[in-house]
PDB file of N, CA and C in Angstrom:
ATOM      1  N   MET A   1      10.592 -41.344 -32.460  1.00  0.00           N
ATOM      2  CA  MET A   1      11.510 -41.663 -33.520  1.00  0.00           C
ATOM      3  C   MET A   1      12.058 -40.401 -34.167  1.00  0.00           C
ATOM      4  N   TRP A   2      11.230 -39.362 -34.240  1.00  0.00           N
ATOM      5  CA  TRP A   2      11.681 -38.121 -34.862  1.00  0.00           C
ATOM      6  C   TRP A   2      12.793 -37.486 -34.059  1.00  0.00           C
ATOM      7  N   LEU A   3      12.782 -37.667 -32.730  1.00  0.00           N
ATOM      8  CA  LEU A   3      13.827 -37.097 -31.899  1.00  0.00           C
ATOM      9  C   LEU A   3      15.164 -37.752 -32.211  1.00  0.00           C
ATOM     10  N   LEU A   4      15.152 -39.059 -32.400  1.00  0.00           N
ATOM     11  CA  LEU A   4      16.376 -39.777 -32.723  1.00  0.00           C
ATOM     12  C   LEU A   4      16.956 -39.296 -34.037  1.00  0.00           C
ATOM     13  N   SER A   5      16.121 -39.103 -35.047  1.00  0.00           N
ATOM     14  CA  SER A   5      16.637 -38.643 -36.329  1.00  0.00           C
ATOM     15  C   SER A   5      17.077 -37.182 -36.258  1.00  0.00           C
ATOM     16  N   ALA A   6      16.402 -36.361 -35.454  1.00  0.00           N
ATOM     17  CA  ALA A   6      16.816 -34.968 -35.308  1.00  0.00           C
ATOM     18  C   ALA A   6      18.177 -34.888 -34.630  1.00  0.00           C
ATOM     19  N   VAL A   7      18.380 -35.711 -33.630  1.00  0.00           N
ATOM     20  CA  VAL A   7      19.660 -35.715 -32.931  1.00  0.00           C
ATOM     21  C   VAL A   7      20.762 -36.250 -33.840  1.00  0.00           C
ATOM     22  N   THR A   8      20.436 -37.233 -34.660  1.00  0.00           N
ATOM     23  CA  THR A   8      21.418 -37.769 -35.598  1.00  0.00           C
ATOM     24  C   THR A   8      21.844 -36.704 -36.599  1.00  0.00           C
ATOM     25  N   VAL A   9      20.887 -35.947 -37.116  1.00  0.00           N
ATOM     26  CA  VAL A   9      21.211 -34.864 -38.050  1.00  0.00           C
ATOM     27  C   VAL A   9      22.063 -33.816 -37.352  1.00  0.00           C
ATOM     28  N   LEU A  10      21.725 -33.479 -36.117  1.00  0.00           N
ATOM     29  CA  LEU A  10      22.505 -32.504 -35.361  1.00  0.00           C
ATOM     30  C   LEU A  10      23.938 -33.000 -35.158  1.00  0.00           C
ATOM     31  N   ALA A  11      24.088 -34.283 -34.832  1.00  0.00           N
ATOM     32  CA  ALA A  11      25.428 -34.843 -34.643  1.00  0.00           C
ATOM     33  C   ALA A  11      26.220 -34.805 -35.949  1.00  0.00           C
ATOM     34  N   LEU A  12      25.576 -35.134 -37.055  1.00  0.00           N
ATOM     35  CA  LEU A  12      26.244 -35.095 -38.351  1.00  0.00           C
ATOM     36  C   LEU A  12      26.668 -33.675 -38.704  1.00  0.00           C
ATOM     37  N   LEU A  13      25.788 -32.708 -38.474  1.00  0.00           N
ATOM     38  CA  LEU A  13      26.139 -31.310 -38.737  1.00  0.00           C
ATOM     39  C   LEU A  13      27.286 -30.860 -37.850  1.00  0.00           C
ATOM     40  N   LYS A  14      27.284 -31.331 -36.604  1.00  0.00           N
ATOM     41  CA  LYS A  14      28.356 -30.977 -35.668  1.00  0.00           C
ATOM     42  C   LYS A  14      29.693 -31.515 -36.166  1.00  0.00           C
ATOM     43  N   VAL A  15      29.693 -32.763 -36.629  1.00  0.00           N
ATOM     44  CA  VAL A  15      30.925 -33.360 -37.162  1.00  0.00           C
ATOM     45  C   VAL A  15      31.386 -32.598 -38.403  1.00  0.00           C
ATOM     46  N   LEU A  16      30.461 -32.303 -39.309  1.00  0.00           N
ATOM     47  CA  LEU A  16      30.819 -31.572 -40.522  1.00  0.00           C
ATOM     48  C   LEU A  16      31.312 -30.163 -40.198  1.00  0.00           C
ATOM     49  N   ALA A  17      30.720 -29.534 -39.197  1.00  0.00           N
ATOM     50  CA  ALA A  17      31.148 -28.193 -38.809  1.00  0.00           C
ATOM     51  C   ALA A  17      32.564 -28.219 -38.250  1.00  0.00           C
ATOM     52  N   HIS A  18      32.888 -29.259 -37.489  1.00  0.00           N
ATOM     53  CA  HIS A  18      34.243 -29.350 -36.947  1.00  0.00           C
ATOM     54  C   HIS A  18      35.255 -29.709 -38.030  1.00  0.00           C
ATOM     55  N   LEU A  19      34.800 -30.288 -39.098  1.00  0.00           N
ATOM     56  CA  LEU A  19      35.682 -30.566 -40.223  1.00  0.00           C
ATOM     57  C   LEU A  19      35.756 -29.363 -41.161  1.00  0.00           C
ATOM     58  N   ASP A  20      35.099 -28.262 -40.798  1.00  0.00           N
ATOM     59  CA  ASP A  20      35.048 -27.028 -41.587  1.00  0.00           C
ATOM     60  C   ASP A  20      34.445 -27.241 -42.970  1.00  0.00           C
ATOM     61  N   VAL A  21      33.549 -28.222 -43.078  1.00  0.00           N
ATOM     62  CA  VAL A  21      32.866 -28.458 -44.343  1.00  0.00           C
ATOM     63  C   VAL A  21      31.666 -27.527 -44.451  1.00  0.00           C
ATOM     64  N   VAL A  22      30.933 -27.371 -43.348  1.00  0.00           N
ATOM     65  CA  VAL A  22      29.729 -26.551 -43.356  1.00  0.00           C
ATOM     66  C   VAL A  22      29.585 -25.888 -41.987  1.00  0.00           C
ATOM     67  N   ASP A  23      29.061 -24.669 -41.988  1.00  0.00           N
ATOM     68  CA  ASP A  23      28.771 -23.999 -40.725  1.00  0.00           C
ATOM     69  C   ASP A  23      27.342 -23.474 -40.805  1.00  0.00           C
ATOM     70  N   VAL A  24      26.421 -24.231 -40.231  1.00  0.00           N
ATOM     71  CA  VAL A  24      25.008 -23.902 -40.301  1.00  0.00           C
ATOM     72  C   VAL A  24      24.568 -23.329 -38.968  1.00  0.00           C
ATOM     73  N   GLY A  25      24.244 -22.073 -38.963  1.00  0.00           N
ATOM     74  CA  GLY A  25      23.674 -21.448 -37.776  1.00  0.00           C
ATOM     75  C   GLY A  25      24.527 -21.571 -36.518  1.00  0.00           C
ATOM     76  N   GLY A  26      25.811 -21.629 -36.643  1.00  0.00           N
ATOM     77  CA  GLY A  26      26.679 -21.683 -35.473  1.00  0.00           C
ATOM     78  C   GLY A  26      26.670 -23.018 -34.756  1.00  0.00           C
ATOM     79  N   ILE A  27      26.424 -24.089 -35.471  1.00  0.00           N
ATOM     80  CA  ILE A  27      26.379 -25.411 -34.851  1.00  0.00           C
ATOM     81  C   ILE A  27      27.748 -25.795 -34.307  1.00  0.00           C
ATOM     82  N   SER A  28      28.796 -25.295 -34.936  1.00  0.00           N
ATOM     83  CA  SER A  28      30.131 -25.637 -34.448  1.00  0.00           C
ATOM     84  C   SER A  28      30.390 -25.049 -33.064  1.00  0.00           C
ATOM     85  N   ALA A  29      29.596 -24.052 -32.664  1.00  0.00           N
ATOM     86  CA  ALA A  29      29.772 -23.452 -31.341  1.00  0.00           C
ATOM     87  C   ALA A  29      29.035 -24.231 -30.254  1.00  0.00           C
ATOM     88  N   LEU A  30      28.166 -25.165 -30.638  1.00  0.00           N
ATOM     89  CA  LEU A  30      27.443 -25.961 -29.650  1.00  0.00           C
ATOM     90  C   LEU A  30      28.382 -26.901 -28.915  1.00  0.00           C
ATOM     91  N   SER A  31      28.059 -27.135 -27.675  1.00  0.00           N
ATOM     92  CA  SER A  31      28.822 -28.098 -26.894  1.00  0.00           C
ATOM     93  C   SER A  31      28.420 -29.516 -27.307  1.00  0.00           C
ATOM     94  N   TRP A  32      29.357 -30.455 -27.199  1.00  0.00           N
ATOM     95  CA  TRP A  32      29.063 -31.847 -27.513  1.00  0.00           C
ATOM     96  C   TRP A  32      28.043 -32.420 -26.545  1.00  0.00           C
ATOM     97  N   TRP A  33      27.919 -31.832 -25.380  1.00  0.00           N
ATOM     98  CA  TRP A  33      26.975 -32.347 -24.386  1.00  0.00           C
ATOM     99  C   TRP A  33      25.533 -32.233 -24.862  1.00  0.00           C
ATOM    100  N   TRP A  34      25.236 -31.258 -25.704  1.00  0.00           N
ATOM    101  CA  TRP A  34      23.887 -31.144 -26.264  1.00  0.00           C
ATOM    102  C   TRP A  34      23.578 -32.336 -27.156  1.00  0.00           C
ATOM    103  N   VAL A  35      24.560 -32.737 -27.929  1.00  0.00           N
ATOM    104  CA  VAL A  35      24.377 -33.874 -28.830  1.00  0.00           C
ATOM    105  C   VAL A  35      24.264 -35.163 -28.033  1.00  0.00           C
ATOM    106  N   VAL A  36      25.184 -35.376 -27.101  1.00  0.00           N
ATOM    107  CA  VAL A  36      25.172 -36.578 -26.276  1.00  0.00           C
ATOM    108  C   VAL A  36      23.905 -36.623 -25.421  1.00  0.00           C
ATOM    109  N   GLY A  37      23.499 -35.465 -24.905  1.00  0.00           N
ATOM    110  CA  GLY A  37      22.271 -35.392 -24.105  1.00  0.00           C
ATOM    111  C   GLY A  37      21.043 -35.763 -24.916  1.00  0.00           C
ATOM    112  N   GLY A  38      21.008 -35.364 -26.179  1.00  0.00           N
ATOM    113  CA  GLY A  38      19.890 -35.724 -27.049  1.00  0.00           C
ATOM    114  C   GLY A  38      19.817 -37.219 -27.278  1.00  0.00           C
ATOM    115  N   PHE A  39      20.972 -37.837 -27.508  1.00  0.00           N
ATOM    116  CA  PHE A  39      21.000 -39.286 -27.666  1.00  0.00           C
ATOM    117  C   PHE A  39      20.572 -39.987 -26.379  1.00  0.00           C
ATOM    118  N   ALA A  40      21.040 -39.487 -25.238  1.00  0.00           N
ATOM    119  CA  ALA A  40      20.669 -40.092 -23.951  1.00  0.00           C
ATOM    120  C   ALA A  40      19.171 -39.949 -23.702  1.00  0.00           C
ATOM    121  N   LEU A  41      18.617 -38.797 -24.034  1.00  0.00           N
ATOM    122  CA  LEU A  41      17.186 -38.571 -23.850  1.00  0.00           C
ATOM    123  C   LEU A  41      16.356 -39.506 -24.727  1.00  0.00           C
ATOM    124  N   SER A  42      16.749 -39.651 -25.981  1.00  0.00           N
ATOM    125  CA  SER A  42      15.991 -40.537 -26.857  1.00  0.00           C
ATOM    126  C   SER A  42      16.141 -42.002 -26.433  1.00  0.00           C
ATOM    127  N   ALA A  43      17.326 -42.393 -25.982  1.00  0.00           N
ATOM    128  CA  ALA A  43      17.517 -43.762 -25.500  1.00  0.00           C
ATOM    129  C   ALA A  43      16.669 -44.021 -24.259  1.00  0.00           C
ATOM    130  N   ALA A  44      16.600 -43.040 -23.359  1.00  0.00           N
ATOM    131  CA  ALA A  44      15.784 -43.193 -22.148  1.00  0.00           C
ATOM    132  C   ALA A  44      14.305 -43.315 -22.507  1.00  0.00           C
ATOM    133  N   TRP A  45      13.831 -42.519 -23.458  1.00  0.00           N
ATOM    134  CA  TRP A  45      12.426 -42.574 -23.858  1.00  0.00           C
ATOM    135  C   TRP A  45      12.073 -43.936 -24.458  1.00  0.00           C
ATOM    136  N   PHE A  46      12.904 -44.418 -25.385  1.00  0.00           N
ATOM    137  CA  PHE A  46      12.598 -45.699 -26.024  1.00  0.00           C
ATOM    138  C   PHE A  46      12.715 -46.847 -25.035  1.00  0.00           C
ATOM    139  N   SER A  47      13.629 -46.736 -24.087  1.00  0.00           N
ATOM    140  CA  SER A  47      13.747 -47.753 -23.053  1.00  0.00           C
ATOM    141  C   SER A  47      12.475 -47.774 -22.194  1.00  0.00           C
ATOM    142  N   TYR A  48      11.996 -46.609 -21.813  1.00  0.00           N
ATOM    143  CA  TYR A  48      10.761 -46.517 -21.035  1.00  0.00           C
ATOM    144  C   TYR A  48       9.571 -47.061 -21.830  1.00  0.00           C
ATOM    145  N   ALA A  49       9.482 -46.671 -23.093  1.00  0.00           N
ATOM    146  CA  ALA A  49       8.350 -47.098 -23.920  1.00  0.00           C
ATOM    147  C   ALA A  49       8.333 -48.615 -24.077  1.00  0.00           C
ATOM    148  N   ASP A  50       9.494 -49.221 -24.213  1.00  0.00           N
ATOM    149  CA  ASP A  50       9.551 -50.675 -24.354  1.00  0.00           C
ATOM    150  C   ASP A  50       9.241 -51.391 -23.043  1.00  0.00           C
ATOM    151  N   ARG A  51       9.781 -50.901 -21.947  1.00  0.00           N
ATOM    152  CA  ARG A  51       9.561 -51.561 -20.649  1.00  0.00           C
ATOM    153  C   ARG A  51       8.128 -51.416 -20.152  1.00  0.00           C
ATOM    154  N   SER A  52       7.513 -50.274 -20.424  1.00  0.00           N
ATOM    155  CA  SER A  52       6.157 -50.043 -19.935  1.00  0.00           C
ATOM    156  C   SER A  52       5.111 -50.738 -20.798  1.00  0.00           C
ATOM    157  N   GLY A  53       5.508 -51.236 -21.950  1.00  0.00           N
ATOM    158  CA  GLY A  53       4.570 -51.887 -22.843  1.00  0.00           C
ATOM    159  C   GLY A  53       3.843 -50.909 -23.744  1.00  0.00           C
ATOM    160  N   LEU A  54       4.229 -49.651 -23.718  1.00  0.00           N
ATOM    161  CA  LEU A  54       3.574 -48.623 -24.530  1.00  0.00           C
ATOM    162  C   LEU A  54       3.684 -48.958 -26.017  1.00  0.00           C
ATOM    163  N   SER A  55       4.851 -49.364 -26.455  1.00  0.00           N
ATOM    164  CA  SER A  55       5.053 -49.697 -27.874  1.00  0.00           C
ATOM    165  C   SER A  55       4.190 -50.886 -28.282  1.00  0.00           C
ATOM    166  N   THR A  56       4.189 -51.918 -27.454  1.00  0.00           N
ATOM    167  CA  THR A  56       3.417 -53.123 -27.761  1.00  0.00           C
ATOM    168  C   THR A  56       1.925 -52.842 -27.734  1.00  0.00           C
ATOM    169  N   ARG A  57       1.492 -52.065 -26.755  1.00  0.00           N
ATOM    170  CA  ARG A  57       0.076 -51.759 -26.626  1.00  0.00           C
ATOM    171  C   ARG A  57      -0.418 -50.972 -27.836  1.00  0.00           C
ATOM    172  N   LYS A  58       0.359 -49.985 -28.270  1.00  0.00           N
ATOM    173  CA  LYS A  58      -0.033 -49.189 -29.440  1.00  0.00           C
ATOM    174  C   LYS A  58      -0.076 -50.064 -30.698  1.00  0.00           C
ATOM    175  N   ALA A  59       0.885 -50.963 -30.828  1.00  0.00           N
ATOM    176  CA  ALA A  59       0.901 -51.854 -31.997  1.00  0.00           C
ATOM    177  C   ALA A  59      -0.316 -52.768 -31.985  1.00  0.00           C
ATOM    178  N   MET A  60      -0.665 -53.298 -30.821  1.00  0.00           N
ATOM    179  CA  MET A  60      -1.832 -54.172 -30.722  1.00  0.00           C
ATOM    180  C   MET A  60      -3.122 -53.406 -31.020  1.00  0.00           C
ATOM    181  N   GLU A  61      -3.211 -52.156 -30.576  1.00  0.00           N
ATOM    182  CA  GLU A  61      -4.399 -51.347 -30.868  1.00  0.00           C
ATOM    183  C   GLU A  61      -4.539 -51.136 -32.372  1.00  0.00           C
ATOM    184  N   ARG A  62      -3.414 -50.867 -33.051  1.00  0.00           N
ATOM    185  CA  ARG A  62      -3.468 -50.682 -34.509  1.00  0.00           C
ATOM    186  C   ARG A  62      -3.901 -51.968 -35.204  1.00  0.00           C
ATOM    187  N   LEU A  63      -3.384 -53.101 -34.748  1.00  0.00           N
ATOM    188  CA  LEU A  63      -3.775 -54.380 -35.346  1.00  0.00           C
ATOM    189  C   LEU A  63      -5.257 -54.672 -35.129  1.00  0.00           C
ATOM    190  N   ASP A  64      -5.759 -54.408 -33.924  1.00  0.00           N
ATOM    191  CA  ASP A  64      -7.181 -54.630 -33.650  1.00  0.00           C
ATOM    192  C   ASP A  64      -8.057 -53.721 -34.497  1.00  0.00           C
ATOM    193  N   GLN A  65      -7.627 -52.471 -34.673  1.00  0.00           N
ATOM    194  CA  GLN A  65      -8.403 -51.537 -35.484  1.00  0.00           C
ATOM    195  C   GLN A  65      -8.441 -52.000 -36.942  1.00  0.00           C
ATOM    196  N   ARG A  66      -7.306 -52.428 -37.474  1.00  0.00           N
ATOM    197  CA  ARG A  66      -7.284 -52.921 -38.855  1.00  0.00           C
ATOM    198  C   ARG A  66      -8.130 -54.172 -39.005  1.00  0.00           C
ATOM    199  N   LYS A  67      -8.127 -55.033 -37.992  1.00  0.00           N
ATOM    200  CA  LYS A  67      -8.935 -56.252 -38.025  1.00  0.00           C
ATOM    201  C   LYS A  67     -10.416 -55.897 -38.071  1.00  0.00           C
ATOM    202  N   GLN A  68     -10.845 -54.954 -37.226  1.00  0.00           N
ATOM    203  CA  GLN A  68     -12.247 -54.547 -37.217  1.00  0.00           C
ATOM    204  C   GLN A  68     -12.645 -53.895 -38.544  1.00  0.00           C
ATOM    205  N   GLU A  69     -11.738 -53.128 -39.139  1.00  0.00           N
ATOM    206  CA  GLU A  69     -12.037 -52.517 -40.434  1.00  0.00           C
ATOM    207  C   GLU A  69     -12.204 -53.581 -41.521  1.00  0.00           C
ATOM    208  N   ARG A  70     -11.361 -54.614 -41.495  1.00  0.00           N
ATOM    209  CA  ARG A  70     -11.496 -55.696 -42.474  1.00  0.00           C
ATOM    210  C   ARG A  70     -12.814 -56.439 -42.285  1.00  0.00           C
ATOM    211  N   ILE A  71     -13.177 -56.701 -41.034  1.00  0.00           N
ATOM    212  CA  ILE A  71     -14.429 -57.396 -40.756  1.00  0.00           C
ATOM    213  C   ILE A  71     -15.611 -56.565 -41.255  1.00  0.00           C
ATOM    214  N   GLN A  72     -15.582 -55.267 -40.959  1.00  0.00           N
ATOM    215  CA  GLN A  72     -16.668 -54.384 -41.383  1.00  0.00           C
ATOM    216  C   GLN A  72     -16.759 -54.329 -42.913  1.00  0.00           C
ATOM    217  N   LYS A  73     -15.619 -54.273 -43.565  1.00  0.00           N
ATOM    218  CA  LYS A  73     -15.611 -54.223 -45.027  1.00  0.00           C
ATOM    219  C   LYS A  73     -16.198 -55.506 -45.617  1.00  0.00           C
ATOM    220  N   GLN A  74     -15.847 -56.639 -45.057  1.00  0.00           N
ATOM    221  CA  GLN A  74     -16.374 -57.918 -45.546  1.00  0.00           C
ATOM    222  C   GLN A  74     -17.880 -58.015 -45.305  1.00  0.00           C
ATOM    223  N   ARG A  75     -18.346 -57.502 -44.170  1.00  0.00           N
ATOM    224  CA  ARG A  75     -19.791 -57.515 -43.903  1.00  0.00           C
ATOM    225  C   ARG A  75     -20.530 -56.662 -44.910  1.00  0.00           C
ATOM    226  N   GLU A  76     -19.960 -55.497 -45.233  1.00  0.00           N
ATOM    227  CA  GLU A  76     -20.602 -54.624 -46.212  1.00  0.00           C
ATOM    228  C   GLU A  76     -20.625 -55.281 -47.589  1.00  0.00           C
ATOM    229  N   LEU A  77     -19.553 -55.986 -47.930  1.00  0.00           N
ATOM    230  CA  LEU A  77     -19.514 -56.673 -49.225  1.00  0.00           C
ATOM    231  C   LEU A  77     -20.538 -57.796 -49.283  1.00  0.00           C
ATOM    232  N   LEU A  78     -20.801 -58.423 -48.148  1.00  0.00           N
ATOM    233  CA  LEU A  78     -21.781 -59.499 -48.103  1.00  0.00           C
ATOM    234  C   LEU A  78     -23.218 -58.983 -47.991  1.00  0.00           C
ATOM    235  N   GLY A  79     -23.360 -57.686 -47.701  1.00  0.00           N
ATOM    236  CA  GLY A  79     -24.677 -57.095 -47.576  1.00  0.00           C
ATOM    237  C   GLY A  79     -25.251 -57.208 -46.178  1.00  0.00           C
ATOM    238  N   SER A  80     -24.475 -57.659 -45.262  1.00  0.00           N
ATOM    239  CA  SER A  80     -24.930 -57.792 -43.876  1.00  0.00           C
ATOM    240  C   SER A  80     -24.261 -56.716 -43.040  1.00  0.00           C
ATOM    241  N   ARG A  81     -25.007 -55.682 -42.675  1.00  0.00           N
ATOM    242  CA  ARG A  81     -24.416 -54.558 -41.962  1.00  0.00           C
ATOM    243  C   ARG A  81     -24.681 -54.594 -40.463  1.00  0.00           C
ATOM    244  N   ARG A  82     -25.342 -55.605 -39.979  1.00  0.00           N
ATOM    245  CA  ARG A  82     -25.616 -55.648 -38.548  1.00  0.00           C
ATOM    246  C   ARG A  82     -24.362 -56.018 -37.772  1.00  0.00           C
ATOM    247  N   LYS A  83     -24.227 -55.463 -36.574  1.00  0.00           N
ATOM    248  CA  LYS A  83     -23.080 -55.742 -35.727  1.00  0.00           C
ATOM    249  C   LYS A  83     -23.405 -56.866 -34.773  1.00  0.00           C
ATOM    250  N   ARG A  84     -22.422 -57.653 -34.463  1.00  0.00           N
ATOM    251  CA  ARG A  84     -22.620 -58.752 -33.519  1.00  0.00           C
ATOM    252  C   ARG A  84     -22.087 -58.392 -32.181  1.00  0.00           C
TER     253      ARG A  84
END
């Protein structure tokens, strides 16, 4: 996700540089292909992550971890610390 936002900021700076509003570190000298390539790279990554199930698997792992933490917390509140 950070790559997408970094590329978006770069694209915005590129547009502003071409409008002569701001010139940050020579961004106006960059080719548009760098910006388009960044968007293509981030789109390819998110497409891969969705198709491979990586996003879903990570979300399910987080949900399972939170579930186990809630169960453990409730056991501690009840005074029963043994695991089943």
